[in-house]
């Protein structure tokens, strides 16, 4: 009986860790990478535009 109760508590703790810590951390990392990608895209576009304007 104790083994079953501890197994259920272990599963509940694992689900708690996944939904409270792991999933928000993954979404935070994805959001950070998306922001970095947008900033890099703007920087590349600006450098390309300045290069084409000053090259003529």
C-alpha atoms as a PDB file:
ATOM      1  CA  UNK A   1       0.000   0.000   0.000  1.00  0.00           C
ATOM      2  CA  UNK A   2       2.792   2.410   0.899  1.00  0.00           C
ATOM      3  CA  UNK A   3       4.525   1.638  -2.370  1.00  0.00           C
ATOM      4  CA  UNK A   4       1.398   2.585  -4.334  1.00  0.00           C
ATOM      5  CA  UNK A   5       0.936   5.812  -2.381  1.00  0.00           C
ATOM      6  CA  UNK A   6       4.569   6.792  -2.881  1.00  0.00           C
ATOM      7  CA  UNK A   7       4.333   5.966  -6.587  1.00  0.00           C
ATOM      8  CA  UNK A   8       1.287   8.203  -6.958  1.00  0.00           C
ATOM      9  CA  UNK A   9       3.024  10.991  -5.019  1.00  0.00           C
ATOM     10  CA  UNK A  10       6.091  10.624  -7.242  1.00  0.00           C
ATOM     11  CA  UNK A  11       4.006  10.907 -10.390  1.00  0.00           C
ATOM     12  CA  UNK A  12       2.202  13.973  -9.019  1.00  0.00           C
ATOM     13  CA  UNK A  13       5.523  15.587  -8.093  1.00  0.00           C
ATOM     14  CA  UNK A  14       6.935  14.856 -11.555  1.00  0.00           C
ATOM     15  CA  UNK A  15       3.877  16.421 -13.207  1.00  0.00           C
ATOM     16  CA  UNK A  16       4.185  19.450 -10.914  1.00  0.00           C
ATOM     17  CA  UNK A  17       7.844  19.903 -11.857  1.00  0.00           C
ATOM     18  CA  UNK A  18       7.086  19.557 -15.563  1.00  0.00           C
ATOM     19  CA  UNK A  19       4.177  22.009 -15.612  1.00  0.00           C
ATOM     20  CA  UNK A  20       5.601  24.579 -13.161  1.00  0.00           C
ATOM     21  CA  UNK A  21       9.295  24.621 -14.048  1.00  0.00           C
ATOM     22  CA  UNK A  22      10.094  22.917 -17.355  1.00  0.00           C
ATOM     23  CA  UNK A  23       7.339  24.183 -19.685  1.00  0.00           C
ATOM     24  CA  UNK A  24       7.614  27.870 -18.655  1.00  0.00           C
ATOM     25  CA  UNK A  25      11.401  27.664 -18.953  1.00  0.00           C
ATOM     26  CA  UNK A  26      11.135  26.263 -22.481  1.00  0.00           C
ATOM     27  CA  UNK A  27       8.661  28.981 -23.494  1.00  0.00           C
ATOM     28  CA  UNK A  28      10.942  31.622 -21.970  1.00  0.00           C
ATOM     29  CA  UNK A  29      13.941  30.332 -23.928  1.00  0.00           C
ATOM     30  CA  UNK A  30      11.932  30.233 -27.159  1.00  0.00           C
ATOM     31  CA  UNK A  31      10.724  33.792 -26.561  1.00  0.00           C
ATOM     32  CA  UNK A  32      14.277  34.971 -25.873  1.00  0.00           C
ATOM     33  CA  UNK A  33      15.570  33.294 -29.036  1.00  0.00           C
ATOM     34  CA  UNK A  34      12.741  34.839 -31.061  1.00  0.00           C
ATOM     35  CA  UNK A  35      13.606  38.319 -29.772  1.00  0.00           C
ATOM     36  CA  UNK A  36      17.295  37.767 -30.581  1.00  0.00           C
ATOM     37  CA  UNK A  37      16.369  36.589 -34.092  1.00  0.00           C
ATOM     38  CA  UNK A  38      14.223  39.683 -34.723  1.00  0.00           C
ATOM     39  CA  UNK A  39      17.003  41.997 -33.509  1.00  0.00           C
ATOM     40  CA  UNK A  40      19.522  40.198 -35.752  1.00  0.00           C
ATOM     41  CA  UNK A  41      17.165  40.464 -38.735  1.00  0.00           C
ATOM     42  CA  UNK A  42      16.759  44.212 -38.185  1.00  0.00           C
ATOM     43  CA  UNK A  43      20.536  44.645 -37.846  1.00  0.00           C
ATOM     44  CA  UNK A  44      21.233  42.697 -41.043  1.00  0.00           C
ATOM     45  CA  UNK A  45      18.572  44.659 -42.910  1.00  0.00           C
ATOM     46  CA  UNK A  46      20.043  47.964 -41.685  1.00  0.00           C
ATOM     47  CA  UNK A  47      23.598  47.017 -42.666  1.00  0.00           C
ATOM     48  CA  UNK A  48      22.440  45.837 -46.085  1.00  0.00           C
ATOM     49  CA  UNK A  49      20.443  49.005 -46.662  1.00  0.00           C
ATOM     50  CA  UNK A  50      23.305  51.278 -45.609  1.00  0.00           C
ATOM     51  CA  UNK A  51      25.721  49.304 -47.769  1.00  0.00           C
ATOM     52  CA  UNK A  52      23.541  49.628 -50.841  1.00  0.00           C
ATOM     53  CA  UNK A  53      22.912  53.335 -50.314  1.00  0.00           C
ATOM     54  CA  UNK A  54      26.555  54.269 -49.706  1.00  0.00           C
ATOM     55  CA  UNK A  55      27.798  51.975 -52.475  1.00  0.00           C
ATOM     56  CA  UNK A  56      26.146  53.962 -55.237  1.00  0.00           C
END
